[in-house]
Amino acid sequence: MTRPAQTTHALNRVPIVVALLVALAIGVFALPVKQRCGAPGYTCATALDAQGYVHYYFELEPLGVYLAEIITGKDIHFGYESGDERVKVR
């Protein structure tokens, strides 16, 4: 004795599960990553300033953009924030 209602009910859940997985993936790729110098492999350190700090440009960008920059090897100018980071050198 088969119950077609159970099969139909299970099939109705598939779009919901797929939608949740897509939303989760978008959320993960939107997580912020702090990337020094704008892209992986770039250098941007300044010389020491009078107080003994080195300055670095940084971008706070989505994880998806960071991964795309690694794959392409180029800076993608899209991010949440950018600025200057100071690092004390001993």
N, C-alpha and C. Protein backbone atom coordinates (compact mmCIF):
# COMPACT_ATOMS: atom_id res chain seq x y z
N MET A 1 0.84 -1.17 0.00
CA MET A 1 0.00 0.00 0.00
C MET A 1 0.90 1.24 0.00
N THR A 2 0.85 2.02 -1.05
CA THR A 2 1.66 3.23 -1.14
C THR A 2 0.82 4.45 -0.81
N ARG A 3 1.49 5.46 -0.36
CA ARG A 3 0.80 6.70 0.01
C ARG A 3 1.36 7.84 -0.83
N PRO A 4 0.69 8.22 -1.88
CA PRO A 4 1.19 9.29 -2.74
C PRO A 4 1.27 10.63 -2.01
N ALA A 5 0.48 10.82 -1.00
CA ALA A 5 0.50 12.09 -0.27
C ALA A 5 1.86 12.30 0.40
N GLN A 6 2.50 11.25 0.89
CA GLN A 6 3.81 11.39 1.51
C GLN A 6 4.86 11.78 0.48
N THR A 7 4.83 11.21 -0.69
CA THR A 7 5.77 11.53 -1.75
C THR A 7 5.60 12.99 -2.17
N THR A 8 4.38 13.42 -2.35
CA THR A 8 4.11 14.80 -2.73
C THR A 8 4.56 15.75 -1.63
N HIS A 9 4.34 15.39 -0.40
CA HIS A 9 4.75 16.22 0.73
C HIS A 9 6.28 16.37 0.77
N ALA A 10 6.99 15.28 0.51
CA ALA A 10 8.45 15.33 0.49
C ALA A 10 8.95 16.19 -0.66
N LEU A 11 8.29 16.12 -1.81
CA LEU A 11 8.68 16.94 -2.96
C LEU A 11 8.42 18.42 -2.71
N ASN A 12 7.43 18.73 -1.90
CA ASN A 12 7.15 20.13 -1.58
C ASN A 12 8.25 20.75 -0.73
N ARG A 13 9.01 19.96 -0.01
CA ARG A 13 10.09 20.47 0.84
C ARG A 13 11.36 20.80 0.06
N VAL A 14 11.55 20.21 -1.11
CA VAL A 14 12.77 20.40 -1.89
C VAL A 14 13.01 21.87 -2.22
N PRO A 15 12.04 22.62 -2.74
CA PRO A 15 12.31 24.04 -3.02
C PRO A 15 12.66 24.85 -1.78
N ILE A 16 12.08 24.51 -0.66
CA ILE A 16 12.38 25.22 0.59
C ILE A 16 13.81 24.95 1.02
N VAL A 17 14.23 23.70 0.94
CA VAL A 17 15.60 23.33 1.31
C VAL A 17 16.60 24.00 0.36
N VAL A 18 16.31 23.99 -0.93
CA VAL A 18 17.19 24.63 -1.91
C VAL A 18 17.27 26.13 -1.65
N ALA A 19 16.15 26.76 -1.37
CA ALA A 19 16.14 28.20 -1.08
C ALA A 19 16.95 28.52 0.17
N LEU A 20 16.83 27.70 1.19
CA LEU A 20 17.61 27.91 2.41
C LEU A 20 19.11 27.74 2.16
N LEU A 21 19.48 26.74 1.36
CA LEU A 21 20.90 26.54 1.04
C LEU A 21 21.45 27.70 0.21
N VAL A 22 20.67 28.23 -0.73
CA VAL A 22 21.10 29.38 -1.52
C VAL A 22 21.27 30.60 -0.63
N ALA A 23 20.32 30.83 0.27
CA ALA A 23 20.41 31.96 1.20
C ALA A 23 21.63 31.82 2.10
N LEU A 24 21.91 30.62 2.56
CA LEU A 24 23.09 30.38 3.40
C LEU A 24 24.38 30.65 2.62
N ALA A 25 24.44 30.20 1.38
CA ALA A 25 25.63 30.43 0.55
C ALA A 25 25.84 31.92 0.30
N ILE A 26 24.76 32.65 0.02
CA ILE A 26 24.87 34.10 -0.19
C ILE A 26 25.36 34.77 1.10
N GLY A 27 24.84 34.33 2.24
CA GLY A 27 25.28 34.88 3.52
C GLY A 27 26.76 34.63 3.78
N VAL A 28 27.24 33.45 3.46
CA VAL A 28 28.65 33.13 3.67
C VAL A 28 29.53 33.97 2.75
N PHE A 29 29.14 34.08 1.48
CA PHE A 29 29.93 34.87 0.54
C PHE A 29 29.88 36.37 0.83
N ALA A 30 28.93 36.79 1.66
CA ALA A 30 28.83 38.21 2.03
C ALA A 30 29.59 38.53 3.32
N LEU A 31 30.15 37.53 3.99
CA LEU A 31 30.90 37.78 5.22
C LEU A 31 32.08 38.71 4.94
N PRO A 32 32.31 39.69 5.82
CA PRO A 32 33.41 40.63 5.58
C PRO A 32 34.78 40.02 5.87
N VAL A 33 35.74 40.34 5.00
CA VAL A 33 37.12 39.91 5.14
C VAL A 33 38.00 41.15 5.02
N LYS A 34 38.93 41.33 5.95
CA LYS A 34 39.84 42.47 5.88
C LYS A 34 41.03 42.07 5.02
N GLN A 35 41.20 42.78 3.90
CA GLN A 35 42.25 42.46 2.95
C GLN A 35 43.25 43.61 2.89
N ARG A 36 44.45 43.36 3.35
CA ARG A 36 45.50 44.38 3.32
C ARG A 36 45.95 44.63 1.89
N CYS A 37 46.14 45.87 1.54
CA CYS A 37 46.62 46.32 0.21
C CYS A 37 45.60 46.13 -0.89
N GLY A 38 44.38 45.79 -0.58
CA GLY A 38 43.32 45.73 -1.57
C GLY A 38 43.10 44.38 -2.22
N ALA A 39 44.14 43.59 -2.41
CA ALA A 39 44.00 42.29 -3.07
C ALA A 39 45.12 41.37 -2.62
N PRO A 40 44.90 40.06 -2.67
CA PRO A 40 45.94 39.11 -2.27
C PRO A 40 47.19 39.27 -3.13
N GLY A 41 48.34 39.30 -2.48
CA GLY A 41 49.61 39.38 -3.20
C GLY A 41 50.10 40.79 -3.47
N TYR A 42 49.28 41.80 -3.22
CA TYR A 42 49.70 43.18 -3.44
C TYR A 42 50.53 43.66 -2.25
N THR A 43 51.43 44.60 -2.50
CA THR A 43 52.19 45.23 -1.42
C THR A 43 51.89 46.72 -1.43
N CYS A 44 51.83 47.30 -0.23
CA CYS A 44 51.46 48.71 -0.15
C CYS A 44 52.01 49.39 1.10
N ALA A 45 52.99 48.80 1.76
CA ALA A 45 53.52 49.37 3.00
C ALA A 45 54.26 50.66 2.72
N THR A 46 54.09 51.62 3.61
CA THR A 46 54.84 52.87 3.51
C THR A 46 56.11 52.74 4.34
N ALA A 47 56.97 53.71 4.22
CA ALA A 47 58.16 53.77 5.08
C ALA A 47 57.70 54.13 6.50
N LEU A 48 58.58 53.91 7.46
CA LEU A 48 58.26 54.26 8.84
C LEU A 48 57.98 55.75 8.96
N ASP A 49 56.93 56.08 9.72
CA ASP A 49 56.68 57.49 9.98
C ASP A 49 57.44 57.91 11.24
N ALA A 50 57.29 59.14 11.67
CA ALA A 50 58.05 59.68 12.80
C ALA A 50 57.76 58.96 14.11
N GLN A 51 56.58 58.37 14.23
CA GLN A 51 56.20 57.65 15.46
C GLN A 51 56.55 56.16 15.41
N GLY A 52 57.14 55.69 14.33
CA GLY A 52 57.54 54.29 14.23
C GLY A 52 56.45 53.37 13.69
N TYR A 53 55.49 53.92 12.96
CA TYR A 53 54.41 53.13 12.39
C TYR A 53 54.61 52.94 10.88
N VAL A 54 54.18 51.78 10.40
CA VAL A 54 54.08 51.52 8.97
C VAL A 54 52.59 51.60 8.65
N HIS A 55 52.24 52.24 7.54
CA HIS A 55 50.84 52.39 7.13
C HIS A 55 50.54 51.44 5.98
N TYR A 56 49.38 50.80 6.07
CA TYR A 56 48.90 49.88 5.04
C TYR A 56 47.50 50.30 4.62
N TYR A 57 47.24 50.27 3.33
CA TYR A 57 45.88 50.45 2.83
C TYR A 57 45.15 49.13 3.04
N PHE A 58 43.87 49.18 3.41
CA PHE A 58 43.09 47.94 3.54
C PHE A 58 41.70 48.14 2.97
N GLU A 59 41.09 47.04 2.62
CA GLU A 59 39.69 47.01 2.20
C GLU A 59 38.97 45.94 3.00
N LEU A 60 37.79 46.27 3.46
CA LEU A 60 36.90 45.30 4.09
C LEU A 60 35.91 44.91 3.00
N GLU A 61 36.02 43.68 2.52
CA GLU A 61 35.24 43.26 1.36
C GLU A 61 34.57 41.92 1.62
N PRO A 62 33.55 41.59 0.83
CA PRO A 62 32.87 40.30 1.00
C PRO A 62 33.81 39.12 0.67
N LEU A 63 33.58 38.01 1.34
CA LEU A 63 34.38 36.80 1.13
C LEU A 63 34.33 36.38 -0.34
N GLY A 64 33.19 36.51 -1.00
CA GLY A 64 33.07 36.14 -2.40
C GLY A 64 33.98 36.98 -3.29
N VAL A 65 34.11 38.28 -3.00
CA VAL A 65 35.00 39.15 -3.77
C VAL A 65 36.45 38.75 -3.50
N TYR A 66 36.77 38.47 -2.25
CA TYR A 66 38.13 38.03 -1.89
C TYR A 66 38.51 36.77 -2.65
N LEU A 67 37.61 35.79 -2.70
CA LEU A 67 37.90 34.55 -3.43
C LEU A 67 38.04 34.80 -4.93
N ALA A 68 37.22 35.70 -5.47
CA ALA A 68 37.33 36.05 -6.89
C ALA A 68 38.67 36.73 -7.17
N GLU A 69 39.16 37.55 -6.24
CA GLU A 69 40.46 38.20 -6.41
C GLU A 69 41.59 37.18 -6.40
N ILE A 70 41.48 36.17 -5.56
CA ILE A 70 42.50 35.11 -5.53
C ILE A 70 42.51 34.37 -6.87
N ILE A 71 41.34 34.05 -7.39
CA ILE A 71 41.24 33.30 -8.65
C ILE A 71 41.76 34.12 -9.83
N THR A 72 41.36 35.40 -9.90
CA THR A 72 41.74 36.24 -11.04
C THR A 72 43.11 36.88 -10.88
N GLY A 73 43.56 37.06 -9.64
CA GLY A 73 44.84 37.74 -9.39
C GLY A 73 44.75 39.24 -9.56
N LYS A 74 43.54 39.78 -9.61
CA LYS A 74 43.34 41.21 -9.81
C LYS A 74 42.48 41.78 -8.68
N ASP A 75 42.64 43.09 -8.46
CA ASP A 75 41.84 43.78 -7.45
C ASP A 75 40.47 44.10 -8.03
N ILE A 76 39.43 43.67 -7.34
CA ILE A 76 38.07 44.01 -7.72
C ILE A 76 37.64 45.12 -6.77
N HIS A 77 37.36 46.28 -7.32
CA HIS A 77 37.05 47.45 -6.50
C HIS A 77 35.61 47.42 -6.01
N PHE A 78 35.35 46.52 -5.08
CA PHE A 78 34.04 46.43 -4.45
C PHE A 78 34.27 46.02 -3.02
N GLY A 79 33.75 46.78 -2.08
CA GLY A 79 33.94 46.44 -0.68
C GLY A 79 33.01 47.23 0.21
N TYR A 80 33.02 46.86 1.47
CA TYR A 80 32.19 47.53 2.45
C TYR A 80 32.84 48.81 2.96
N GLU A 81 34.17 48.78 3.07
CA GLU A 81 34.90 49.90 3.67
C GLU A 81 36.36 49.80 3.23
N SER A 82 37.05 50.94 3.26
CA SER A 82 38.49 50.93 3.01
C SER A 82 39.11 52.00 3.91
N GLY A 83 40.40 51.89 4.11
CA GLY A 83 41.05 52.86 4.99
C GLY A 83 42.54 52.61 5.11
N ASP A 84 43.10 53.20 6.15
CA ASP A 84 44.53 53.13 6.41
C ASP A 84 44.74 52.47 7.77
N GLU A 85 45.59 51.47 7.82
CA GLU A 85 45.88 50.74 9.05
C GLU A 85 47.31 51.07 9.47
N ARG A 86 47.50 51.37 10.74
CA ARG A 86 48.84 51.65 11.25
C ARG A 86 49.32 50.47 12.07
N VAL A 87 50.57 50.05 11.82
CA VAL A 87 51.18 48.93 12.55
C VAL A 87 52.46 49.42 13.16
N LYS A 88 52.60 49.26 14.47
CA LYS A 88 53.80 49.70 15.19
C LYS A 88 54.93 48.71 14.94
N VAL A 89 56.09 49.23 14.54
CA VAL A 89 57.27 48.42 14.30
C VAL A 89 58.22 48.63 15.46
N ARG A 90 58.72 47.58 16.01
CA ARG A 90 59.62 47.72 17.18
C ARG A 90 61.02 48.05 16.79
